[in-house]
N, C-alpha and C. Protein backbone atom coordinates (compact mmCIF):
# COMPACT_ATOMS: atom_id res chain seq x y z
N MET A 1 -20.83 29.45 -15.09
CA MET A 1 -20.05 28.23 -14.61
C MET A 1 -20.41 26.98 -15.74
N PRO A 2 -19.82 26.45 -16.62
CA PRO A 2 -20.09 25.47 -17.53
C PRO A 2 -20.72 23.95 -16.96
N LYS A 3 -22.04 23.42 -17.33
CA LYS A 3 -22.22 22.14 -16.86
C LYS A 3 -21.19 21.19 -17.16
N LEU A 4 -20.66 20.32 -16.01
CA LEU A 4 -19.84 19.07 -16.46
C LEU A 4 -20.92 17.87 -16.03
N ALA A 5 -20.53 16.91 -17.15
CA ALA A 5 -21.47 15.53 -17.01
C ALA A 5 -20.28 14.31 -16.67
N LEU A 6 -20.58 13.44 -16.00
CA LEU A 6 -19.90 12.16 -15.62
C LEU A 6 -21.08 11.21 -15.30
N PHE A 7 -20.75 9.95 -15.04
CA PHE A 7 -21.35 8.93 -14.81
C PHE A 7 -21.12 8.35 -13.82
N VAL A 8 -21.81 8.29 -12.79
CA VAL A 8 -21.54 7.99 -11.26
C VAL A 8 -22.59 6.56 -11.07
N ASN A 9 -22.18 5.47 -10.76
CA ASN A 9 -22.86 4.19 -10.60
C ASN A 9 -23.65 3.86 -11.54
N GLY A 10 -23.52 4.13 -12.84
CA GLY A 10 -24.52 3.79 -13.91
C GLY A 10 -25.08 5.16 -14.11
N VAL A 11 -25.57 6.17 -13.40
CA VAL A 11 -26.22 7.22 -13.80
C VAL A 11 -25.42 8.39 -14.04
N ARG A 12 -26.30 9.17 -15.31
CA ARG A 12 -25.60 10.31 -15.68
C ARG A 12 -25.58 11.37 -14.56
N GLN A 13 -24.45 12.16 -14.18
CA GLN A 13 -25.00 13.29 -13.43
C GLN A 13 -24.19 14.50 -14.25
N GLU A 14 -24.81 15.28 -13.88
CA GLU A 14 -24.61 16.87 -14.48
C GLU A 14 -24.68 17.73 -13.27
N THR A 15 -23.48 18.65 -13.25
CA THR A 15 -23.17 19.53 -12.18
C THR A 15 -22.79 20.77 -12.76
N GLU A 16 -22.80 22.07 -12.06
CA GLU A 16 -22.40 23.34 -12.19
C GLU A 16 -21.21 23.36 -10.98
N SER A 17 -21.08 22.45 -10.56
CA SER A 17 -19.67 22.52 -9.53
C SER A 17 -18.78 23.14 -9.89
N ALA A 18 -17.96 23.66 -9.27
CA ALA A 18 -16.38 24.05 -9.63
C ALA A 18 -15.61 22.73 -10.40
N ALA A 19 -15.16 23.37 -11.41
CA ALA A 19 -14.46 22.33 -12.22
C ALA A 19 -13.03 21.64 -11.29
N ALA A 20 -12.86 22.17 -10.30
CA ALA A 20 -11.34 22.19 -9.69
C ALA A 20 -11.65 21.38 -8.59
N MET A 21 -13.14 21.41 -8.14
CA MET A 21 -13.55 20.49 -7.15
C MET A 21 -13.10 18.89 -7.12
N PRO A 22 -12.42 18.41 -6.16
CA PRO A 22 -12.26 17.01 -6.04
C PRO A 22 -13.35 16.13 -6.41
N LEU A 23 -13.12 15.05 -7.16
CA LEU A 23 -14.25 14.20 -7.33
C LEU A 23 -14.98 13.41 -5.81
N LEU A 24 -13.74 13.12 -4.94
CA LEU A 24 -14.36 12.79 -3.64
C LEU A 24 -15.46 13.79 -3.51
N TRP A 25 -15.13 14.97 -3.15
CA TRP A 25 -15.98 16.12 -2.44
C TRP A 25 -17.55 15.92 -3.38
N PHE A 26 -17.44 16.16 -4.56
CA PHE A 26 -18.81 15.73 -5.68
C PHE A 26 -19.38 14.24 -5.18
N LEU A 27 -18.67 13.31 -5.04
CA LEU A 27 -19.37 12.05 -4.47
C LEU A 27 -19.89 12.42 -3.43
N ARG A 28 -19.10 12.61 -2.17
CA ARG A 28 -19.78 12.63 -0.92
C ARG A 28 -20.41 13.80 -0.68
N ASP A 29 -20.21 15.35 -0.97
CA ASP A 29 -20.99 16.45 -0.59
C ASP A 29 -22.04 16.71 -1.44
N VAL A 30 -21.66 16.30 -2.57
CA VAL A 30 -23.05 16.76 -3.84
C VAL A 30 -24.02 15.48 -3.95
N LEU A 31 -23.39 14.59 -3.87
CA LEU A 31 -24.40 13.15 -4.42
C LEU A 31 -24.74 12.40 -3.02
N GLY A 32 -23.80 12.63 -1.81
CA GLY A 32 -24.15 12.04 -0.70
C GLY A 32 -23.84 10.33 -0.70
N LEU A 33 -22.74 10.24 -1.53
CA LEU A 33 -22.32 8.69 -1.63
C LEU A 33 -21.06 8.90 -0.28
N THR A 34 -21.37 8.53 0.74
CA THR A 34 -20.38 8.84 2.06
C THR A 34 -19.47 7.45 1.93
N GLY A 35 -19.96 6.47 1.31
CA GLY A 35 -18.80 5.55 1.37
C GLY A 35 -17.54 5.48 0.67
N THR A 36 -17.25 6.44 -0.10
CA THR A 36 -15.89 6.60 -0.18
C THR A 36 -15.26 7.70 0.70
N LYS A 37 -14.36 7.34 1.37
CA LYS A 37 -13.67 8.21 2.33
C LYS A 37 -12.80 9.00 2.15
N TYR A 38 -12.63 9.92 2.83
CA TYR A 38 -11.57 10.91 3.39
C TYR A 38 -10.37 10.36 4.10
N GLY A 39 -9.27 9.95 3.54
CA GLY A 39 -8.28 9.49 4.60
C GLY A 39 -6.95 10.67 4.48
N CYS A 40 -5.98 10.84 3.62
CA CYS A 40 -5.09 11.66 3.72
C CYS A 40 -5.11 12.64 2.81
N GLY A 41 -5.90 12.88 1.74
CA GLY A 41 -6.10 13.88 0.80
C GLY A 41 -4.94 14.05 -0.01
N GLU A 42 -3.96 13.03 -0.32
CA GLU A 42 -2.71 13.09 -0.99
C GLU A 42 -2.87 11.55 -2.02
N GLY A 43 -3.70 10.95 -2.02
CA GLY A 43 -3.79 9.87 -2.89
C GLY A 43 -2.80 8.65 -2.27
N VAL A 44 -2.62 8.69 -1.23
CA VAL A 44 -1.64 7.96 -0.61
C VAL A 44 -2.46 6.44 0.01
N CYS A 45 -3.25 7.04 1.24
CA CYS A 45 -3.85 5.91 1.85
C CYS A 45 -5.04 5.01 1.00
N GLY A 46 -5.37 5.29 -0.11
CA GLY A 46 -6.55 4.43 -0.64
C GLY A 46 -7.87 4.58 -0.29
N ALA A 47 -8.10 5.15 1.04
CA ALA A 47 -9.53 5.53 1.68
C ALA A 47 -10.49 5.60 0.36
N CYS A 48 -10.18 6.68 -0.29
CA CYS A 48 -11.09 7.35 -1.59
C CYS A 48 -11.20 6.69 -2.63
N THR A 49 -10.74 5.35 -2.71
CA THR A 49 -10.45 4.41 -4.22
C THR A 49 -11.90 4.34 -4.69
N VAL A 50 -11.66 4.71 -5.88
CA VAL A 50 -13.20 4.27 -6.67
C VAL A 50 -12.69 3.83 -8.20
N LEU A 51 -13.68 3.34 -8.85
CA LEU A 51 -13.31 2.89 -10.30
C LEU A 51 -13.41 4.03 -11.43
N GLU A 52 -12.61 4.05 -12.10
CA GLU A 52 -12.73 4.71 -12.88
C GLU A 52 -12.96 4.03 -14.61
N GLU A 53 -13.87 3.96 -15.29
CA GLU A 53 -13.61 2.73 -16.34
C GLU A 53 -13.12 1.62 -16.15
N GLY A 54 -13.47 1.21 -14.59
CA GLY A 54 -12.83 0.07 -13.93
C GLY A 54 -11.69 -0.33 -13.70
N VAL A 55 -11.07 0.77 -13.84
CA VAL A 55 -9.67 1.01 -12.98
C VAL A 55 -9.51 1.62 -11.73
N ALA A 56 -9.14 1.23 -10.63
CA ALA A 56 -9.12 1.95 -9.47
C ALA A 56 -8.23 2.98 -9.42
N VAL A 57 -8.53 4.09 -8.83
CA VAL A 57 -8.31 5.68 -8.75
C VAL A 57 -8.26 6.08 -7.40
N ARG A 58 -7.54 7.09 -7.05
CA ARG A 58 -8.05 8.01 -6.06
C ARG A 58 -8.70 9.21 -6.58
N ALA A 59 -9.93 9.18 -5.39
CA ALA A 59 -10.87 10.30 -6.02
C ALA A 59 -10.47 11.48 -5.42
N CYS A 60 -9.30 11.54 -4.54
CA CYS A 60 -9.14 13.18 -3.95
C CYS A 60 -7.91 13.52 -4.85
N GLN A 61 -7.79 12.98 -5.79
CA GLN A 61 -6.55 13.42 -6.82
C GLN A 61 -7.24 13.49 -8.04
N ILE A 62 -8.57 13.54 -8.47
CA ILE A 62 -8.91 13.63 -9.61
C ILE A 62 -10.12 14.93 -9.26
N ASP A 63 -10.25 15.98 -10.10
CA ASP A 63 -10.94 16.99 -10.28
C ASP A 63 -11.72 16.74 -11.18
N LEU A 64 -13.21 17.57 -11.01
CA LEU A 64 -14.29 17.22 -11.97
C LEU A 64 -14.08 17.64 -13.32
N ALA A 65 -12.69 18.74 -13.41
CA ALA A 65 -12.74 18.53 -15.02
C ALA A 65 -12.11 17.63 -15.75
N ALA A 66 -11.24 16.74 -15.10
CA ALA A 66 -10.49 15.50 -15.54
C ALA A 66 -11.76 14.43 -15.46
N ALA A 67 -12.77 14.37 -14.51
CA ALA A 67 -13.54 13.25 -14.56
C ALA A 67 -14.76 13.38 -15.57
N ALA A 68 -14.76 14.58 -16.34
CA ALA A 68 -16.01 14.82 -17.01
C ALA A 68 -15.93 13.76 -18.16
N GLY A 69 -17.08 13.32 -18.39
CA GLY A 69 -17.33 12.09 -19.44
C GLY A 69 -17.03 10.77 -19.08
N LYS A 70 -16.49 10.50 -17.88
CA LYS A 70 -16.05 9.38 -17.63
C LYS A 70 -17.07 8.52 -16.83
N ARG A 71 -16.74 7.37 -16.39
CA ARG A 71 -17.65 6.45 -15.68
C ARG A 71 -17.08 6.01 -14.36
N TYR A 72 -17.61 6.04 -13.22
CA TYR A 72 -17.20 6.05 -12.02
C TYR A 72 -18.18 5.10 -11.30
N THR A 73 -17.31 4.28 -10.62
CA THR A 73 -18.22 3.26 -9.44
C THR A 73 -17.73 3.40 -7.92
N THR A 74 -18.55 3.82 -7.40
CA THR A 74 -18.39 3.58 -5.81
C THR A 74 -18.70 2.44 -5.01
N ILE A 75 -18.18 2.39 -3.89
CA ILE A 75 -18.69 1.17 -3.04
C ILE A 75 -20.20 1.18 -3.14
N GLU A 76 -20.83 2.30 -3.15
CA GLU A 76 -22.11 1.92 -3.47
C GLU A 76 -22.92 0.88 -4.59
N GLY A 77 -21.94 1.36 -5.55
CA GLY A 77 -22.13 0.95 -6.99
C GLY A 77 -21.80 -0.53 -6.96
N LEU A 78 -21.12 -1.02 -6.70
CA LEU A 78 -20.67 -2.62 -6.74
C LEU A 78 -21.76 -3.25 -6.30
N SER A 79 -22.45 -3.12 -5.14
CA SER A 79 -23.98 -3.85 -4.93
C SER A 79 -24.91 -2.82 -3.92
N ALA A 80 -26.27 -2.61 -4.44
CA ALA A 80 -26.73 -1.90 -3.24
C ALA A 80 -26.94 -2.37 -2.00
N ASP A 81 -26.82 -3.88 -2.30
CA ASP A 81 -27.10 -4.54 -1.01
C ASP A 81 -26.24 -5.40 -0.36
N GLY A 82 -24.95 -5.33 -0.73
CA GLY A 82 -23.66 -5.53 -0.10
C GLY A 82 -23.38 -7.04 -0.83
N SER A 83 -24.03 -7.69 -2.03
CA SER A 83 -24.20 -8.84 -2.49
C SER A 83 -22.64 -9.70 -3.54
N HIS A 84 -22.15 -7.86 -3.58
CA HIS A 84 -20.97 -8.16 -4.53
C HIS A 84 -20.20 -9.16 -4.07
N PRO A 85 -19.18 -10.14 -5.06
CA PRO A 85 -18.48 -11.25 -4.23
C PRO A 85 -17.36 -10.65 -3.42
N VAL A 86 -16.86 -9.59 -3.73
CA VAL A 86 -15.56 -9.28 -2.80
C VAL A 86 -16.53 -8.56 -1.47
N GLN A 87 -17.48 -7.93 -1.36
CA GLN A 87 -18.26 -7.47 -0.33
C GLN A 87 -18.31 -8.94 0.77
N ARG A 88 -19.23 -9.66 -0.35
CA ARG A 88 -19.52 -10.95 0.67
C ARG A 88 -18.51 -11.61 1.43
N ALA A 89 -17.27 -11.99 0.74
CA ALA A 89 -16.14 -12.67 0.89
C ALA A 89 -15.40 -11.74 2.02
N TRP A 90 -15.78 -10.32 2.27
CA TRP A 90 -14.82 -9.82 3.07
C TRP A 90 -15.68 -10.06 4.62
N LEU A 91 -16.66 -9.96 4.50
CA LEU A 91 -17.70 -10.28 5.72
C LEU A 91 -17.28 -11.77 5.98
N GLU A 92 -17.67 -12.81 5.18
CA GLU A 92 -17.07 -14.33 5.73
C GLU A 92 -15.91 -14.46 6.09
N GLU A 93 -14.68 -13.72 5.52
CA GLU A 93 -13.39 -14.00 5.92
C GLU A 93 -13.15 -12.97 7.37
N ASN A 94 -14.08 -12.08 7.59
CA ASN A 94 -13.96 -11.24 8.92
C ASN A 94 -12.72 -10.39 8.71
N VAL A 95 -12.55 -9.72 7.66
CA VAL A 95 -11.58 -9.04 7.19
C VAL A 95 -11.22 -7.86 8.06
N ALA A 96 -12.54 -6.99 7.95
CA ALA A 96 -12.64 -5.70 8.45
C ALA A 96 -11.85 -5.61 9.87
N GLN A 97 -11.38 -4.31 10.35
CA GLN A 97 -10.72 -3.94 11.27
C GLN A 97 -11.61 -2.76 12.16
N CYS A 98 -11.22 -1.76 11.66
CA CYS A 98 -12.14 -0.69 12.35
C CYS A 98 -13.14 -0.07 10.98
N GLY A 99 -12.91 -0.46 9.95
CA GLY A 99 -13.67 -0.21 8.88
C GLY A 99 -13.71 0.77 8.23
N TYR A 100 -13.08 1.95 8.29
CA TYR A 100 -13.20 3.13 8.36
C TYR A 100 -12.37 3.11 6.65
N CYS A 101 -11.13 2.46 6.15
CA CYS A 101 -10.80 2.48 5.02
C CYS A 101 -11.21 1.09 4.06
N GLN A 102 -11.88 0.49 4.78
CA GLN A 102 -12.23 -0.69 4.00
C GLN A 102 -13.13 -0.48 2.53
N PRO A 103 -13.92 0.37 2.44
CA PRO A 103 -14.54 0.48 1.02
C PRO A 103 -13.39 0.68 0.15
N GLY A 104 -12.74 1.43 0.44
CA GLY A 104 -11.45 1.55 -0.51
C GLY A 104 -10.75 0.25 -0.98
N MET A 105 -10.52 -0.57 -0.12
CA MET A 105 -9.71 -1.74 -0.24
C MET A 105 -10.74 -2.69 -0.96
N ILE A 106 -12.00 -2.77 -0.69
CA ILE A 106 -13.24 -3.44 -1.43
C ILE A 106 -13.04 -3.37 -2.80
N VAL A 107 -13.15 -1.72 -3.13
CA VAL A 107 -13.48 -1.50 -4.57
C VAL A 107 -11.82 -2.01 -5.31
N GLU A 108 -10.70 -1.81 -4.86
CA GLU A 108 -9.28 -2.12 -5.17
C GLU A 108 -9.40 -3.68 -5.45
N ALA A 109 -9.84 -4.48 -4.50
CA ALA A 109 -10.02 -6.01 -4.91
C ALA A 109 -10.65 -6.24 -6.15
N ALA A 110 -11.87 -5.58 -6.13
CA ALA A 110 -12.90 -5.54 -7.29
C ALA A 110 -12.39 -5.42 -8.43
N ALA A 111 -11.50 -4.28 -8.58
CA ALA A 111 -10.93 -4.31 -9.56
C ALA A 111 -9.76 -5.36 -10.19
N LEU A 112 -8.87 -5.62 -8.95
CA LEU A 112 -7.81 -6.47 -9.24
C LEU A 112 -8.69 -7.76 -9.65
N LEU A 113 -9.76 -8.43 -9.17
CA LEU A 113 -10.45 -9.48 -9.88
C LEU A 113 -11.02 -9.16 -11.00
N ALA A 114 -11.38 -8.45 -11.39
CA ALA A 114 -12.01 -7.86 -12.57
C ALA A 114 -10.89 -8.38 -13.63
N ARG A 115 -9.55 -7.96 -13.30
CA ARG A 115 -8.52 -8.13 -14.33
C ARG A 115 -8.02 -9.48 -14.19
N LYS A 116 -7.86 -10.04 -13.08
CA LYS A 116 -7.09 -11.28 -13.13
C LYS A 116 -8.14 -12.14 -12.10
N ALA A 117 -9.04 -13.28 -12.54
CA ALA A 117 -9.97 -14.06 -11.60
C ALA A 117 -8.97 -14.71 -10.49
N ALA A 118 -7.90 -15.41 -10.54
CA ALA A 118 -7.08 -15.98 -9.73
C ALA A 118 -5.87 -15.11 -9.48
N PRO A 119 -5.71 -13.99 -8.57
CA PRO A 119 -4.29 -13.45 -8.75
C PRO A 119 -3.49 -14.28 -7.39
N THR A 120 -2.02 -13.80 -7.76
CA THR A 120 -1.21 -14.69 -7.01
C THR A 120 -1.30 -13.88 -5.55
N PRO A 121 -0.70 -14.58 -4.34
CA PRO A 121 -1.07 -13.62 -3.03
C PRO A 121 0.03 -12.22 -3.68
N ALA A 122 1.24 -12.30 -4.10
CA ALA A 122 2.20 -11.30 -4.49
C ALA A 122 1.30 -10.26 -5.40
N GLU A 123 0.58 -10.54 -6.19
CA GLU A 123 -0.44 -9.48 -6.93
C GLU A 123 -1.56 -8.70 -5.84
N VAL A 124 -2.03 -9.51 -5.06
CA VAL A 124 -2.96 -9.09 -4.15
C VAL A 124 -1.94 -8.11 -3.19
N GLU A 125 -1.18 -8.51 -2.56
CA GLU A 125 -0.48 -7.64 -2.14
C GLU A 125 0.00 -6.15 -2.73
N SER A 126 0.25 -6.21 -3.94
CA SER A 126 0.67 -5.34 -4.62
C SER A 126 -0.46 -4.38 -4.89
N ALA A 127 -1.63 -4.87 -5.07
CA ALA A 127 -2.89 -4.25 -5.25
C ALA A 127 -3.00 -3.56 -3.97
N LEU A 128 -3.11 -4.29 -2.86
CA LEU A 128 -3.66 -3.41 -1.71
C LEU A 128 -2.42 -3.10 -0.89
N GLY A 129 -1.53 -3.05 -0.93
CA GLY A 129 -0.19 -2.79 0.03
C GLY A 129 -0.40 -1.49 0.28
N ASP A 130 -0.66 -0.40 -0.44
CA ASP A 130 -0.50 0.90 -0.24
C ASP A 130 -1.84 1.50 0.60
N HIS A 131 -2.91 0.56 0.60
CA HIS A 131 -4.20 0.85 1.19
C HIS A 131 -3.97 0.89 2.93
N SER A 132 -4.00 2.02 3.48
CA SER A 132 -3.98 1.90 4.74
C SER A 132 -4.09 3.36 5.59
N ALA A 133 -5.47 3.17 6.29
CA ALA A 133 -5.74 4.36 7.40
C ALA A 133 -4.50 4.73 8.01
N ALA A 134 -3.62 3.84 8.38
CA ALA A 134 -2.63 4.17 9.14
C ALA A 134 -1.66 5.19 8.58
N ALA A 135 -2.10 5.36 7.31
CA ALA A 135 -1.03 6.39 6.38
C ALA A 135 -1.64 7.82 7.06
N ALA A 136 -2.86 8.04 6.66
CA ALA A 136 -3.39 8.99 7.28
C ALA A 136 -3.02 9.79 8.72
N ALA A 137 -3.18 8.55 9.68
CA ALA A 137 -2.91 8.46 10.81
C ALA A 137 -1.49 8.99 11.14
N THR A 138 -0.66 8.58 10.40
CA THR A 138 0.94 8.73 10.38
C THR A 138 1.09 10.26 10.07
N ARG A 139 0.17 10.97 9.28
CA ARG A 139 0.33 12.16 8.67
C ARG A 139 -0.30 12.94 9.74
N ALA A 140 -1.09 12.73 10.46
CA ALA A 140 -1.92 13.83 11.43
C ALA A 140 -0.73 13.78 12.46
N SER A 141 -0.21 12.46 13.00
CA SER A 141 0.38 12.85 14.30
C SER A 141 1.79 13.26 14.04
N ALA A 142 2.15 13.44 12.68
CA ALA A 142 3.55 13.94 12.36
C ALA A 142 3.28 15.52 12.02
N GLY A 143 2.12 16.01 12.24
CA GLY A 143 1.58 17.47 11.98
C GLY A 143 1.18 17.77 10.77
N ARG A 144 1.36 16.67 9.95
CA ARG A 144 0.74 17.31 8.27
C ARG A 144 -0.65 17.44 8.40
N SER A 145 -0.78 18.06 7.62
CA SER A 145 -2.47 18.95 7.15
C SER A 145 -3.33 17.56 6.79
N THR A 146 -4.37 17.66 7.69
CA THR A 146 -5.38 16.36 6.96
C THR A 146 -6.86 17.64 6.48
N ALA A 147 -6.44 18.55 6.13
CA ALA A 147 -7.41 19.70 5.70
C ALA A 147 -8.07 19.06 4.53
N ARG A 148 -9.01 19.19 4.03
CA ARG A 148 -9.71 18.55 2.94
C ARG A 148 -9.14 19.73 1.82
N PRO A 149 -8.30 19.64 0.89
CA PRO A 149 -8.19 20.38 -0.23
C PRO A 149 -9.21 20.24 -1.11
N GLY A 150 -9.47 21.73 -1.34
CA GLY A 150 -10.79 21.73 -2.50
C GLY A 150 -12.17 21.72 -2.03
N ALA A 151 -12.17 21.45 -0.75
CA ALA A 151 -13.88 21.27 -0.05
C ALA A 151 -14.20 22.68 0.21
N PRO A 152 -15.63 22.45 0.16
CA PRO A 152 -16.03 23.79 0.67
C PRO A 152 -15.74 24.27 1.93
N ALA A 153 -15.80 25.60 2.26
CA ALA A 153 -15.00 26.03 3.62
C ALA A 153 -15.95 25.41 4.97
N SER A 154 -17.16 25.04 4.59
CA SER A 154 -17.78 24.82 5.74
C SER A 154 -17.53 23.33 5.88
N ALA A 155 -17.19 22.57 5.34
CA ALA A 155 -16.89 20.82 4.89
C ALA A 155 -15.98 20.66 5.94
N ARG A 156 -16.12 19.45 6.71
CA ARG A 156 -14.72 18.82 7.45
C ARG A 156 -15.17 17.30 7.29
N PRO A 157 -14.05 16.83 7.29
CA PRO A 157 -13.92 14.96 7.34
C PRO A 157 -15.00 14.58 8.12
N GLU A 158 -15.63 13.51 7.36
CA GLU A 158 -16.59 12.88 7.83
C GLU A 158 -16.00 11.77 8.92
N ALA A 159 -16.81 11.44 10.09
CA ALA A 159 -16.15 10.74 11.05
C ALA A 159 -15.01 11.20 11.80
N ALA A 160 -14.79 12.35 11.93
CA ALA A 160 -13.78 12.92 12.60
C ALA A 160 -13.48 12.60 13.70
N ASP A 161 -14.22 12.09 14.64
CA ASP A 161 -14.35 11.63 16.10
C ASP A 161 -13.92 10.20 15.85
N ASP A 162 -13.84 9.33 14.99
CA ASP A 162 -13.62 7.71 15.09
C ASP A 162 -12.48 7.43 13.97
N HIS A 163 -12.16 8.17 13.21
CA HIS A 163 -11.18 7.85 11.88
C HIS A 163 -9.92 7.81 12.92
N PRO A 164 -9.00 6.81 12.46
CA PRO A 164 -7.75 7.06 13.39
C PRO A 164 -6.90 8.01 13.12
N ALA A 165 -6.91 8.64 12.16
CA ALA A 165 -6.12 9.87 12.23
C ALA A 165 -6.36 11.09 12.98
N ARG A 166 -7.87 10.78 13.83
CA ARG A 166 -7.94 11.77 14.53
C ARG A 166 -8.00 11.29 15.96
N LEU A 167 -7.43 9.74 16.24
CA LEU A 167 -7.74 9.65 17.70
C LEU A 167 -6.29 10.14 18.24
N PRO A 168 -6.59 10.25 19.43
CA PRO A 168 -5.36 10.44 20.50
C PRO A 168 -4.30 9.38 20.35
N PRO A 169 -3.24 9.72 20.34
CA PRO A 169 -2.05 8.65 20.47
C PRO A 169 -2.43 7.65 21.21
N SER A 170 -2.78 8.01 22.26
CA SER A 170 -2.97 6.92 23.77
C SER A 170 -3.99 6.00 22.96
N LEU A 171 -5.15 6.13 22.52
CA LEU A 171 -6.07 5.34 21.74
C LEU A 171 -5.75 4.48 20.40
N ARG A 172 -5.01 5.23 19.82
CA ARG A 172 -4.15 4.41 18.51
C ARG A 172 -3.22 3.33 19.32
N ALA A 173 -2.63 3.97 20.03
CA ALA A 173 -1.55 2.69 20.67
C ALA A 173 -2.44 1.62 21.61
N ALA A 174 -3.58 1.98 21.83
CA ALA A 174 -4.36 0.97 22.45
C ALA A 174 -5.29 -0.08 21.33
N GLY A 175 -5.01 0.13 19.93
CA GLY A 175 -5.65 -0.66 19.04
C GLY A 175 -7.07 0.08 18.82
N GLY A 176 -6.93 1.57 18.94
CA GLY A 176 -8.27 2.31 18.43
C GLY A 176 -8.19 2.61 16.93
N GLY A 177 -7.12 2.17 16.32
CA GLY A 177 -7.17 2.20 14.59
C GLY A 177 -6.86 1.04 14.02
N CYS A 178 -6.52 1.21 12.72
CA CYS A 178 -6.23 0.06 12.02
C CYS A 178 -4.96 -0.11 11.85
């Protein structure tokens, strides 16, 4: 298997992992960067959002072959100590709910602010409007698969017991999810 190289949070990473492995699994399972979350596996909910060359993308939709040679920034790469302006604002404004999808939203907001320092409310809504842990919950409760496509056979979604997609309907209805 040929080696693939990409940059993650400013560090060159070489891997002999399968070229078809989703970037999300490489980040989480190989590099141990678990801030980027698995949500729906379809690129819809935004929980797996990372920056690719400064542009927000869904890591579950990019395989390592496509990621090779590119630069990625995860939630951990915004700042090691949570001092990135968006991370600080998130805390100061008490934005978080359950927190599961928040890393993807923070990364998306950072990308927006890098493009435009003072976005309009409509631009913010456009950028963040499709981020939703509820999208994953809806798929799970509708019987759609939440399996991790391309993940090692032994892998399972992180935080399966507390992610809204895995909560029983009674807990979701009682405010247990986002």
